[in-house]
Amino acid sequence: MYIEVVKSKIHRVKITQAELHYVGSITIDEDLLDAANMIENEKVQVLNLNNGERLETYIIKGKRGSGIICMNGPAARKMQVGDIVIVISYASMDFEEAKSWKPTLCFPLEGNKVG
């Protein structure tokens, strides 16, 4: 049996941009992607602490060191600049393997910087 478990998490970053007229996705600083073991085009869930919104999208790699967290497309209506979000990716794995799995957790500093 396979189950889904948390693979990676970026915990509490601030949205720096919202671009409504874009095809959709979330742009994330490449430093944060590395720290969280996430990659471009990976499916993620974005949880908004300010308004309770939850949505799924995919990652676009942002400029390294920029601190960018940009909600693109329709998500820009649900998540605004200044909102605090959590970004989570999941992996499917065998139930027994999942029992010992340890996700990669990233806790950014002020300005969405990696500590």
C-alpha atoms as a PDB file:
ATOM      1  CA  MET A   1       0.000   0.000   0.000  1.00  0.00           C
ATOM      2  CA  TYR A   2       1.193   3.519  -0.846  1.00  0.00           C
ATOM      3  CA  ILE A   3       0.307   6.617   1.141  1.00  0.00           C
ATOM      4  CA  GLU A   4       1.012  10.332   0.720  1.00  0.00           C
ATOM      5  CA  VAL A   5       3.276  11.965   3.297  1.00  0.00           C
ATOM      6  CA  VAL A   6       4.808  15.414   3.680  1.00  0.00           C
ATOM      7  CA  LYS A   7       7.985  15.562   1.582  1.00  0.00           C
ATOM      8  CA  SER A   8       8.964  19.202   2.097  1.00  0.00           C
ATOM      9  CA  LYS A   9       7.670  22.323   3.798  1.00  0.00           C
ATOM     10  CA  ILE A  10       8.511  26.023   3.702  1.00  0.00           C
ATOM     11  CA  HIS A  11       6.981  27.295   6.930  1.00  0.00           C
ATOM     12  CA  ARG A  12       5.735  30.896   7.166  1.00  0.00           C
ATOM     13  CA  VAL A  13       6.984  33.000   4.277  1.00  0.00           C
ATOM     14  CA  LYS A  14       5.545  36.362   3.276  1.00  0.00           C
ATOM     15  CA  ILE A  15       4.038  36.880  -0.173  1.00  0.00           C
ATOM     16  CA  THR A  16       6.066  39.593  -1.903  1.00  0.00           C
ATOM     17  CA  GLN A  17       4.183  39.813  -5.216  1.00  0.00           C
ATOM     18  CA  ALA A  18       0.854  38.868  -6.787  1.00  0.00           C
ATOM     19  CA  GLU A  19       0.574  38.790 -10.597  1.00  0.00           C
ATOM     20  CA  LEU A  20      -3.040  38.208 -11.663  1.00  0.00           C
ATOM     21  CA  HIS A  21      -2.407  38.223 -15.422  1.00  0.00           C
ATOM     22  CA  TYR A  22      -0.121  35.203 -15.535  1.00  0.00           C
ATOM     23  CA  VAL A  23      -0.748  31.587 -16.480  1.00  0.00           C
ATOM     24  CA  GLY A  24      -0.619  30.458 -12.854  1.00  0.00           C
ATOM     25  CA  SER A  25       1.739  29.036 -10.229  1.00  0.00           C
ATOM     26  CA  ILE A  26       3.875  30.211  -7.325  1.00  0.00           C
ATOM     27  CA  THR A  27       7.323  31.713  -7.877  1.00  0.00           C
ATOM     28  CA  ILE A  28       9.741  30.854  -5.038  1.00  0.00           C
ATOM     29  CA  ASP A  29      13.308  32.077  -4.413  1.00  0.00           C
ATOM     30  CA  GLU A  30      15.734  29.342  -5.500  1.00  0.00           C
ATOM     31  CA  ASP A  31      17.516  29.488  -2.115  1.00  0.00           C
ATOM     32  CA  LEU A  32      14.251  28.520  -0.409  1.00  0.00           C
ATOM     33  CA  LEU A  33      13.692  25.716  -2.924  1.00  0.00           C
ATOM     34  CA  ASP A  34      17.132  24.283  -2.179  1.00  0.00           C
ATOM     35  CA  ALA A  35      16.629  24.559   1.582  1.00  0.00           C
ATOM     36  CA  ALA A  36      13.254  22.791   1.357  1.00  0.00           C
ATOM     37  CA  ASN A  37      14.347  20.136  -1.168  1.00  0.00           C
ATOM     38  CA  MET A  38      11.784  21.354  -3.713  1.00  0.00           C
ATOM     39  CA  ILE A  39      12.176  21.748  -7.476  1.00  0.00           C
ATOM     40  CA  GLU A  40      10.698  23.749 -10.313  1.00  0.00           C
ATOM     41  CA  ASN A  41       7.377  22.352 -11.602  1.00  0.00           C
ATOM     42  CA  GLU A  42       6.787  20.380  -8.397  1.00  0.00           C
ATOM     43  CA  LYS A  43       3.155  20.312  -7.283  1.00  0.00           C
ATOM     44  CA  VAL A  44       2.607  22.122  -3.973  1.00  0.00           C
ATOM     45  CA  GLN A  45      -0.171  23.065  -1.625  1.00  0.00           C
ATOM     46  CA  VAL A  46      -0.173  26.678  -0.422  1.00  0.00           C
ATOM     47  CA  LEU A  47      -1.877  27.481   2.902  1.00  0.00           C
ATOM     48  CA  ASN A  48      -2.689  31.106   3.706  1.00  0.00           C
ATOM     49  CA  LEU A  49      -2.546  31.911   7.426  1.00  0.00           C
ATOM     50  CA  ASN A  50      -4.225  35.296   6.921  1.00  0.00           C
ATOM     51  CA  ASN A  51      -7.480  34.100   5.362  1.00  0.00           C
ATOM     52  CA  GLY A  52      -7.536  30.283   5.570  1.00  0.00           C
ATOM     53  CA  GLU A  53      -7.318  29.736   1.789  1.00  0.00           C
ATOM     54  CA  ARG A  54      -5.706  26.504   0.594  1.00  0.00           C
ATOM     55  CA  LEU A  55      -4.821  25.836  -3.028  1.00  0.00           C
ATOM     56  CA  GLU A  56      -2.684  23.573  -5.192  1.00  0.00           C
ATOM     57  CA  THR A  57      -0.331  24.823  -7.878  1.00  0.00           C
ATOM     58  CA  TYR A  58       3.189  24.239  -9.175  1.00  0.00           C
ATOM     59  CA  ILE A  59       6.535  25.915  -8.549  1.00  0.00           C
ATOM     60  CA  ILE A  60       8.370  28.360 -10.792  1.00  0.00           C
ATOM     61  CA  LYS A  61      11.993  28.965  -9.781  1.00  0.00           C
ATOM     62  CA  GLY A  62      12.572  32.567  -8.650  1.00  0.00           C
ATOM     63  CA  LYS A  63      15.772  34.586  -8.578  1.00  0.00           C
ATOM     64  CA  ARG A  64      18.222  33.222  -6.010  1.00  0.00           C
ATOM     65  CA  GLY A  65      18.547  35.439  -2.937  1.00  0.00           C
ATOM     66  CA  SER A  66      15.591  37.637  -3.899  1.00  0.00           C
ATOM     67  CA  GLY A  67      13.195  36.396  -1.206  1.00  0.00           C
ATOM     68  CA  ILE A  68      10.449  36.299  -3.845  1.00  0.00           C
ATOM     69  CA  ILE A  69       7.199  34.523  -3.108  1.00  0.00           C
ATOM     70  CA  CYS A  70       4.842  35.473  -5.933  1.00  0.00           C
ATOM     71  CA  MET A  71       1.314  34.180  -6.401  1.00  0.00           C
ATOM     72  CA  ASN A  72       0.555  34.043 -10.107  1.00  0.00           C
ATOM     73  CA  GLY A  73      -2.724  33.828 -12.007  1.00  0.00           C
ATOM     74  CA  PRO A  74      -6.041  33.182 -10.232  1.00  0.00           C
ATOM     75  CA  ALA A  75      -4.252  32.508  -6.918  1.00  0.00           C
ATOM     76  CA  ALA A  76      -3.417  36.235  -6.837  1.00  0.00           C
ATOM     77  CA  ARG A  77      -7.081  36.834  -5.950  1.00  0.00           C
ATOM     78  CA  LYS A  78      -6.898  34.486  -2.966  1.00  0.00           C
ATOM     79  CA  MET A  79      -3.475  35.422  -1.584  1.00  0.00           C
ATOM     80  CA  GLN A  80      -2.259  38.994  -1.375  1.00  0.00           C
ATOM     81  CA  VAL A  81       1.088  40.722  -0.879  1.00  0.00           C
ATOM     82  CA  GLY A  82       1.975  40.624   2.811  1.00  0.00           C
ATOM     83  CA  ASP A  83       0.031  37.438   3.587  1.00  0.00           C
ATOM     84  CA  ILE A  84       1.910  34.699   5.438  1.00  0.00           C
ATOM     85  CA  VAL A  85       1.799  31.268   3.777  1.00  0.00           C
ATOM     86  CA  ILE A  86       3.039  27.720   4.255  1.00  0.00           C
ATOM     87  CA  VAL A  87       4.126  25.786   1.136  1.00  0.00           C
ATOM     88  CA  ILE A  88       3.970  21.977   1.338  1.00  0.00           C
ATOM     89  CA  SER A  89       4.836  19.208  -1.117  1.00  0.00           C
ATOM     90  CA  TYR A  90       3.948  15.553  -0.686  1.00  0.00           C
ATOM     91  CA  ALA A  91       5.368  12.212  -1.840  1.00  0.00           C
ATOM     92  CA  SER A  92       3.791   8.801  -2.324  1.00  0.00           C
ATOM     93  CA  MET A  93       5.637   5.937  -0.732  1.00  0.00           C
ATOM     94  CA  ASP A  94       5.219   2.477   0.623  1.00  0.00           C
ATOM     95  CA  PHE A  95       3.529   2.398   4.030  1.00  0.00           C
ATOM     96  CA  GLU A  96       6.517   0.756   5.724  1.00  0.00           C
ATOM     97  CA  GLU A  97       8.978   3.227   4.174  1.00  0.00           C
ATOM     98  CA  ALA A  98       6.749   6.099   5.281  1.00  0.00           C
ATOM     99  CA  LYS A  99       7.034   5.054   8.922  1.00  0.00           C
ATOM    100  CA  SER A 100      10.693   6.119   8.999  1.00  0.00           C
ATOM    101  CA  TRP A 101      10.479   8.988   6.480  1.00  0.00           C
ATOM    102  CA  LYS A 102      11.716  12.423   7.634  1.00  0.00           C
ATOM    103  CA  PRO A 103      10.524  15.431   5.603  1.00  0.00           C
ATOM    104  CA  THR A 104      12.701  18.453   4.831  1.00  0.00           C
ATOM    105  CA  LEU A 105      11.454  21.460   6.791  1.00  0.00           C
ATOM    106  CA  CYS A 106      12.548  25.031   6.052  1.00  0.00           C
ATOM    107  CA  PHE A 107      11.914  27.847   8.542  1.00  0.00           C
ATOM    108  CA  PRO A 108      12.870  31.085   6.735  1.00  0.00           C
ATOM    109  CA  LEU A 109      14.090  34.216   8.487  1.00  0.00           C
ATOM    110  CA  GLU A 110      12.780  37.760   8.022  1.00  0.00           C
ATOM    111  CA  GLY A 111      12.635  38.742   4.346  1.00  0.00           C
ATOM    112  CA  ASN A 112      12.109  35.116   3.273  1.00  0.00           C
ATOM    113  CA  LYS A 113      15.820  34.432   3.712  1.00  0.00           C
ATOM    114  CA  VAL A 114      17.400  31.079   4.466  1.00  0.00           C
ATOM    115  CA  GLY A 115      19.183  31.020   7.833  1.00  0.00           C
END
